[in-house]
Amino acid sequence: MKNKDRYTSIIWAVFGLYIAFEGYRLELGAFYDPKPGFFVFWAGIILSSLSITLFLQTFFYQKEEEKILWKGVRWSKGIKLMASLFVYLLVFPWLGFISSSFFLLLFLLKGLQPMKWQVALPLSFITITLFYLIFEVFLGFHFPGAF
């Protein structure tokens, strides 16, 4: 596992330096007046720094246990989550944002993270109501679809 981390960290560090170089070519500007390349440059620098840190860690941590990558993963929750998002995608045009998001949030709270109905229902309702008040009423953003 250490060798794989070494190789990938070198690849990501070089890629980060390339990103920083391209950001520099776009013109950086100043912190108070950023130009188009400012965030690109710093993203590349951060990516390279993290990659170099990982590369150095592979030398200092001599006794690293080989971990099985997928051991202990709860596949059922991931599959339920992906299925619920797919169903959300399908019912969204018919139910609209408010109703479909309420049912999605209710399923996530009750189905994936088992909660009592006395907690899941009000929490879903309050969350969707707050979204409606903030975006529809105060910001004037209109949600798509039916209510």
Protein backbone atom coordinates (compact mmCIF):
# COMPACT_ATOMS: atom_id res chain seq x y z
CA MET A 1 0.00 0.00 0.00
CA LYS A 2 2.89 2.36 0.70
CA ASN A 3 4.26 1.98 -2.83
CA LYS A 4 0.88 2.78 -4.33
CA ASP A 5 0.67 5.91 -2.17
CA ARG A 6 4.14 6.94 -3.28
CA TYR A 7 3.35 6.59 -6.97
CA THR A 8 -0.03 8.29 -6.82
CA SER A 9 1.26 11.11 -4.64
CA ILE A 10 4.00 11.85 -7.19
CA ILE A 11 1.43 11.88 -10.00
CA TRP A 12 -0.89 14.22 -8.07
CA ALA A 13 1.98 16.49 -7.08
CA VAL A 14 3.04 16.90 -10.71
CA PHE A 15 -0.59 17.46 -11.72
CA GLY A 16 -0.93 20.08 -8.96
CA LEU A 17 2.17 21.86 -10.19
CA TYR A 18 0.75 21.89 -13.71
CA ILE A 19 -2.49 23.38 -12.40
CA ALA A 20 -0.53 26.03 -10.49
CA PHE A 21 1.49 26.84 -13.60
CA GLU A 22 -1.64 27.27 -15.70
CA GLY A 23 -3.19 29.44 -13.01
CA TYR A 24 -0.07 31.57 -12.97
CA ARG A 25 -0.33 32.00 -16.74
CA LEU A 26 -3.91 33.26 -16.34
CA GLU A 27 -2.68 36.14 -14.11
CA LEU A 28 -2.94 35.96 -10.34
CA GLY A 29 -3.79 39.46 -9.23
CA ALA A 30 -3.75 40.20 -5.51
CA PHE A 31 -5.59 38.81 -2.51
CA TYR A 32 -7.87 41.87 -2.40
CA ASP A 33 -8.24 41.92 -6.21
CA PRO A 34 -8.01 38.33 -7.53
CA LYS A 35 -7.69 37.70 -11.24
CA PRO A 36 -8.90 34.55 -13.09
CA GLY A 37 -5.84 32.47 -12.20
CA PHE A 38 -5.77 33.25 -8.47
CA PHE A 39 -7.91 30.36 -7.20
CA VAL A 40 -6.59 27.97 -9.84
CA PHE A 41 -3.02 28.70 -8.80
CA TRP A 42 -3.70 28.18 -5.09
CA ALA A 43 -5.71 25.03 -5.74
CA GLY A 44 -2.71 23.60 -7.58
CA ILE A 45 -0.35 24.61 -4.77
CA ILE A 46 -2.59 23.00 -2.15
CA LEU A 47 -2.94 19.82 -4.20
CA SER A 48 0.83 19.58 -4.64
CA SER A 49 1.45 20.27 -0.95
CA LEU A 50 -0.96 17.58 0.18
CA SER A 51 0.53 15.13 -2.29
CA ILE A 52 4.06 15.81 -1.11
CA THR A 53 2.89 15.39 2.48
CA LEU A 54 1.44 11.99 1.63
CA PHE A 55 4.66 11.05 -0.16
CA LEU A 56 6.74 11.94 2.90
CA GLN A 57 4.40 10.10 5.24
CA THR A 58 5.04 6.85 3.41
CA PHE A 59 8.68 7.03 4.54
CA PHE A 60 8.08 7.98 8.17
CA TYR A 61 5.37 5.50 9.07
CA GLN A 62 7.29 2.26 8.78
CA LYS A 63 4.79 -0.06 10.45
CA GLU A 64 1.62 0.45 8.48
CA GLU A 65 -0.84 -2.39 8.44
CA GLU A 66 -2.16 -3.46 5.10
CA LYS A 67 -5.83 -2.66 5.19
CA ILE A 68 -8.47 -4.30 3.12
CA LEU A 69 -10.02 -1.39 1.27
CA TRP A 70 -13.64 -2.53 1.25
CA LYS A 71 -13.74 -4.31 4.60
CA GLY A 72 -16.55 -3.11 6.86
CA VAL A 73 -18.35 -1.09 4.19
CA ARG A 74 -22.11 -1.10 4.63
CA TRP A 75 -23.18 -1.82 1.07
CA SER A 76 -26.88 -1.85 1.85
CA LYS A 77 -26.88 1.81 2.95
CA GLY A 78 -25.01 2.91 -0.14
CA ILE A 79 -27.35 1.01 -2.43
CA LYS A 80 -30.42 2.38 -0.64
CA LEU A 81 -29.03 5.90 -0.91
CA MET A 82 -28.33 5.59 -4.64
CA ALA A 83 -31.75 4.02 -5.26
CA SER A 84 -33.49 6.79 -3.30
CA LEU A 85 -31.67 9.48 -5.31
CA PHE A 86 -32.64 7.72 -8.54
CA VAL A 87 -36.31 7.60 -7.45
CA TYR A 88 -36.04 11.26 -6.44
CA LEU A 89 -34.80 12.03 -9.94
CA LEU A 90 -37.76 10.20 -11.45
CA VAL A 91 -40.52 11.71 -9.30
CA PHE A 92 -39.10 15.24 -9.25
CA PRO A 93 -40.85 16.39 -12.47
CA TRP A 94 -44.26 15.22 -11.21
CA LEU A 95 -44.12 16.18 -7.54
CA GLY A 96 -41.88 19.22 -7.75
CA PHE A 97 -39.07 20.26 -5.48
CA ILE A 98 -40.95 20.72 -2.23
CA SER A 99 -42.89 17.44 -2.13
CA SER A 100 -40.19 15.21 -3.58
CA SER A 101 -37.52 16.71 -1.30
CA PHE A 102 -39.78 16.21 1.73
CA PHE A 103 -40.23 12.52 0.90
CA LEU A 104 -36.53 12.07 0.13
CA LEU A 105 -35.52 13.65 3.43
CA LEU A 106 -38.13 11.58 5.27
CA PHE A 107 -36.75 8.40 3.70
CA LEU A 108 -33.16 9.36 4.53
CA LEU A 109 -34.05 10.09 8.14
CA LYS A 110 -36.31 7.09 8.64
CA GLY A 111 -34.88 4.50 6.25
CA LEU A 112 -31.14 5.06 6.27
CA GLN A 113 -30.65 6.61 9.68
CA PRO A 114 -33.36 4.95 11.76
CA MET A 115 -35.25 7.58 13.74
CA LYS A 116 -38.63 7.58 15.36
CA TRP A 117 -41.52 8.92 13.33
CA GLN A 118 -42.01 11.61 16.00
CA VAL A 119 -38.57 12.97 15.09
CA ALA A 120 -38.33 12.24 11.35
CA LEU A 121 -41.65 13.80 10.28
CA PRO A 122 -41.27 17.15 12.07
CA LEU A 123 -37.60 17.41 11.13
CA SER A 124 -38.39 16.84 7.45
CA PHE A 125 -41.27 19.30 7.57
CA ILE A 126 -39.25 21.98 9.37
CA THR A 127 -36.29 21.57 7.00
CA ILE A 128 -38.40 21.88 3.85
CA THR A 129 -40.36 24.77 5.35
CA LEU A 130 -37.13 26.63 6.12
CA PHE A 131 -35.89 26.00 2.59
CA TYR A 132 -39.15 27.36 1.23
CA LEU A 133 -39.06 30.46 3.43
CA ILE A 134 -35.41 31.24 2.74
CA PHE A 135 -35.36 30.66 -1.00
CA GLU A 136 -38.92 31.29 -2.16
CA VAL A 137 -40.06 34.05 0.20
CA PHE A 138 -36.90 35.94 1.17
CA LEU A 139 -34.67 35.42 -1.88
CA GLY A 140 -37.40 35.21 -4.52
CA PHE A 141 -36.10 31.98 -6.04
CA HIS A 142 -38.97 29.92 -7.44
CA PHE A 143 -38.82 26.18 -7.00
CA PRO A 144 -39.69 24.04 -10.03
CA GLY A 145 -42.76 21.86 -10.21
CA ALA A 146 -45.92 21.40 -8.21
CA PHE A 147 -46.28 21.84 -4.47
